[in-house]
Protein backbone atom coordinates (compact mmCIF):
# COMPACT_ATOMS: atom_id res chain seq x y z
CA UNK A 1 -256.03 -27.09 -254.26
CA UNK A 2 -253.74 -25.62 -251.71
CA UNK A 3 -255.06 -23.00 -249.34
CA UNK A 4 -253.53 -19.59 -249.66
CA UNK A 5 -251.75 -18.10 -246.70
CA UNK A 6 -254.58 -15.62 -246.22
CA UNK A 7 -257.38 -18.18 -246.11
CA UNK A 8 -259.68 -18.07 -243.09
CA UNK A 9 -259.32 -21.83 -242.47
CA UNK A 10 -255.59 -21.53 -241.91
CA UNK A 11 -256.16 -18.54 -239.65
CA UNK A 12 -258.80 -20.37 -237.59
CA UNK A 13 -256.53 -23.36 -237.11
CA UNK A 14 -253.12 -21.69 -237.00
CA UNK A 15 -253.79 -18.97 -234.45
CA UNK A 16 -255.24 -21.23 -231.72
CA UNK A 17 -252.49 -23.77 -232.34
CA UNK A 18 -249.83 -21.07 -232.06
CA UNK A 19 -251.41 -19.71 -228.88
CA UNK A 20 -251.55 -23.20 -227.41
CA UNK A 21 -247.85 -23.77 -228.17
CA UNK A 22 -246.86 -20.42 -226.65
CA UNK A 23 -248.85 -21.10 -223.47
CA UNK A 24 -247.49 -24.64 -223.23
CA UNK A 25 -243.88 -23.47 -223.66
CA UNK A 26 -244.41 -20.68 -221.11
CA UNK A 27 -245.79 -23.14 -218.56
CA UNK A 28 -242.93 -25.56 -219.31
CA UNK A 29 -240.34 -22.85 -218.69
CA UNK A 30 -242.04 -21.73 -215.46
CA UNK A 31 -242.33 -25.29 -214.20
CA UNK A 32 -238.69 -26.09 -214.92
CA UNK A 33 -237.47 -22.92 -213.18
CA UNK A 34 -239.37 -23.60 -209.94
CA UNK A 35 -238.44 -26.06 -207.21
CA UNK A 36 -235.47 -28.18 -206.37
CA UNK A 37 -233.16 -29.71 -208.93
CA UNK A 38 -234.25 -33.18 -207.81
CA UNK A 39 -237.93 -32.43 -208.53
CA UNK A 40 -237.50 -30.95 -212.04
CA UNK A 41 -237.68 -34.18 -214.09
CA UNK A 42 -240.83 -35.17 -212.22
CA UNK A 43 -242.48 -31.80 -213.03
CA UNK A 44 -241.64 -32.03 -216.71
CA UNK A 45 -243.06 -35.55 -216.76
CA UNK A 46 -246.22 -34.28 -215.06
CA UNK A 47 -246.53 -31.47 -217.59
CA UNK A 48 -246.16 -33.98 -220.40
CA UNK A 49 -248.72 -36.33 -218.85
CA UNK A 50 -251.29 -33.61 -218.28
CA UNK A 51 -250.77 -32.29 -221.81
CA UNK A 52 -251.43 -35.73 -223.31
CA UNK A 53 -254.54 -36.05 -221.13
CA UNK A 54 -255.81 -32.64 -222.29
CA UNK A 55 -255.20 -33.44 -225.96
CA UNK A 56 -256.88 -36.84 -225.51
CA UNK A 57 -259.97 -35.14 -224.04
CA UNK A 58 -260.17 -32.70 -226.96
CA UNK A 59 -259.84 -35.53 -229.48
CA UNK A 60 -262.52 -37.52 -227.64
CA UNK A 61 -264.92 -34.56 -227.77
CA UNK A 62 -264.32 -34.06 -231.49
CA UNK A 63 -264.85 -37.78 -232.11
CA UNK A 64 -268.10 -37.74 -230.12
CA UNK A 65 -269.32 -34.84 -232.24
CA UNK A 66 -268.45 -36.73 -235.42
CA UNK A 67 -270.18 -39.87 -234.16
CA UNK A 68 -273.35 -37.97 -233.24
CA UNK A 69 -273.44 -36.26 -236.65
CA UNK A 70 -273.06 -39.63 -238.36
CA UNK A 71 -275.90 -41.11 -236.30
CA UNK A 72 -278.20 -38.23 -237.27
CA UNK A 73 -277.24 -38.52 -240.95
CA UNK A 74 -277.80 -42.26 -240.88
CA UNK A 75 -281.21 -41.85 -239.26
CA UNK A 76 -282.29 -39.33 -241.93
CA UNK A 77 -280.35 -40.16 -245.09
CA UNK A 78 -282.58 -38.15 -247.42
CA UNK A 79 -282.01 -34.96 -245.44
CA UNK A 80 -278.28 -35.38 -244.90
CA UNK A 81 -277.01 -33.87 -248.15
CA UNK A 82 -276.61 -30.30 -249.27
CA UNK A 83 -279.71 -28.11 -249.00
CA UNK A 84 -279.00 -26.68 -252.46
CA UNK A 85 -279.39 -29.96 -254.34
CA UNK A 86 -282.63 -31.53 -255.48
CA UNK A 87 -284.86 -32.34 -252.53
CA UNK A 88 -285.51 -36.04 -252.03
CA UNK A 89 -287.55 -35.90 -248.83
CA UNK A 90 -290.72 -36.67 -250.81
CA UNK A 91 -291.74 -37.21 -254.42
CA UNK A 92 -293.65 -33.91 -254.42
CA UNK A 93 -290.62 -31.94 -253.23
CA UNK A 94 -288.52 -33.70 -255.87
CA UNK A 95 -290.97 -32.67 -258.59
CA UNK A 96 -290.86 -29.10 -257.34
CA UNK A 97 -287.05 -28.86 -257.29
CA UNK A 98 -285.65 -31.17 -259.99
CA UNK A 99 -285.77 -28.51 -262.74
CA UNK A 100 -283.62 -26.24 -260.60
CA UNK A 101 -280.55 -28.42 -261.23
CA UNK A 102 -281.19 -28.69 -264.98
CA UNK A 103 -281.72 -24.98 -265.57
CA UNK A 104 -278.88 -23.91 -263.29
CA UNK A 105 -276.27 -25.08 -265.81
CA UNK A 106 -278.01 -24.14 -269.04
CA UNK A 107 -278.59 -20.40 -269.07
CA UNK A 108 -278.83 -20.11 -272.88
CA UNK A 109 -282.18 -21.87 -273.15
CA UNK A 110 -285.42 -20.03 -272.66
CA UNK A 111 -287.80 -21.51 -270.16
CA UNK A 112 -289.26 -24.65 -271.71
CA UNK A 113 -292.44 -26.27 -270.50
CA UNK A 114 -291.92 -29.45 -268.51
CA UNK A 115 -293.04 -32.46 -270.57
CA UNK A 116 -291.56 -35.20 -268.40
CA UNK A 117 -294.15 -37.75 -267.30
CA UNK A 118 -294.82 -38.58 -263.66
CA UNK A 119 -293.75 -42.18 -264.28
CA UNK A 120 -290.35 -41.03 -265.56
CA UNK A 121 -289.97 -38.62 -262.66
CA UNK A 122 -290.95 -41.36 -260.20
CA UNK A 123 -288.30 -43.70 -261.67
CA UNK A 124 -285.64 -40.97 -261.42
CA UNK A 125 -286.75 -40.15 -257.89
CA UNK A 126 -286.58 -43.79 -256.78
CA UNK A 127 -283.11 -44.18 -258.30
CA UNK A 128 -281.87 -40.99 -256.63
CA UNK A 129 -283.32 -42.04 -253.28
CA UNK A 130 -281.55 -45.42 -253.48
CA UNK A 131 -278.32 -43.67 -254.44
CA UNK A 132 -278.57 -41.13 -251.62
CA UNK A 133 -279.37 -43.83 -249.04
CA UNK A 134 -276.43 -45.97 -250.21
CA UNK A 135 -274.03 -43.02 -250.24
CA UNK A 136 -275.17 -41.90 -246.79
CA UNK A 137 -274.81 -45.41 -245.38
CA UNK A 138 -271.26 -45.66 -246.72
CA UNK A 139 -270.29 -42.19 -245.52
CA UNK A 140 -271.77 -42.68 -242.04
CA UNK A 141 -270.29 -46.18 -241.66
CA UNK A 142 -266.88 -44.74 -242.51
CA UNK A 143 -267.35 -41.81 -240.15
CA UNK A 144 -268.60 -44.02 -237.32
CA UNK A 145 -265.72 -46.47 -237.72
CA UNK A 146 -263.08 -43.75 -237.75
CA UNK A 147 -264.77 -41.90 -234.89
CA UNK A 148 -264.97 -44.98 -232.68
CA UNK A 149 -261.36 -45.96 -233.40
CA UNK A 150 -260.07 -42.48 -232.53
CA UNK A 151 -262.32 -42.39 -229.46
CA UNK A 152 -260.90 -45.71 -228.24
CA UNK A 153 -257.32 -44.58 -228.88
CA UNK A 154 -257.84 -41.25 -227.12
CA UNK A 155 -259.53 -43.00 -224.17
CA UNK A 156 -256.63 -45.45 -223.88
CA UNK A 157 -254.05 -42.65 -224.06
CA UNK A 158 -255.95 -40.65 -221.45
CA UNK A 159 -256.28 -43.61 -219.06
CA UNK A 160 -252.62 -44.63 -219.39
CA UNK A 161 -251.26 -41.13 -218.91
CA UNK A 162 -253.70 -40.25 -216.11
CA UNK A 163 -252.62 -43.34 -214.13
CA UNK A 164 -248.99 -42.56 -214.86
CA UNK A 165 -249.31 -38.94 -213.65
CA UNK A 166 -251.17 -40.09 -210.53
CA UNK A 167 -248.28 -42.47 -209.75
CA UNK A 168 -245.82 -39.62 -210.28
CA UNK A 169 -247.82 -37.45 -207.88
CA UNK A 170 -247.92 -40.22 -205.29
CA UNK A 171 -244.15 -40.73 -205.60
CA UNK A 172 -243.45 -36.99 -205.26
CA UNK A 173 -245.75 -36.76 -202.21
CA UNK A 174 -244.08 -39.78 -200.64
CA UNK A 175 -240.63 -38.22 -201.17
CA UNK A 176 -241.63 -34.89 -199.64
């Protein structure tokens, strides 16, 4: 489904992005208007380099957050899903909450007494636990892999551009 133009998600992403672009363009215009004509290309290059470094740092922080969340989910796979689904943290909590999912969809039936045996419930519980653990392992492995790849890329971009900007600064200081 496509988000409508009035959705809060678009607002929360669009407004900061727009503000960032306006500030960046304002700084770019100010930087290009200052100084000698000889120094202008160097200043634009510096602005570009510092911008890439800033974006790389933001991406690295987001990746670290994703990696930490994945580690916590992987360490506690039974607690990593939605709090509104059937609880799988223990067999007793499963027994207390499994009827909630069944009755949530069937509102026409009157409350029926629970006749399911403990052995049947235990088998369902064990199957659901295995499923949740497998799903959490897959999801966290995917998240960790993507997070580490983006972290490595952002670190490499930061290091390359930081060295490049430092060389530009050394060149401009040597010329002055």
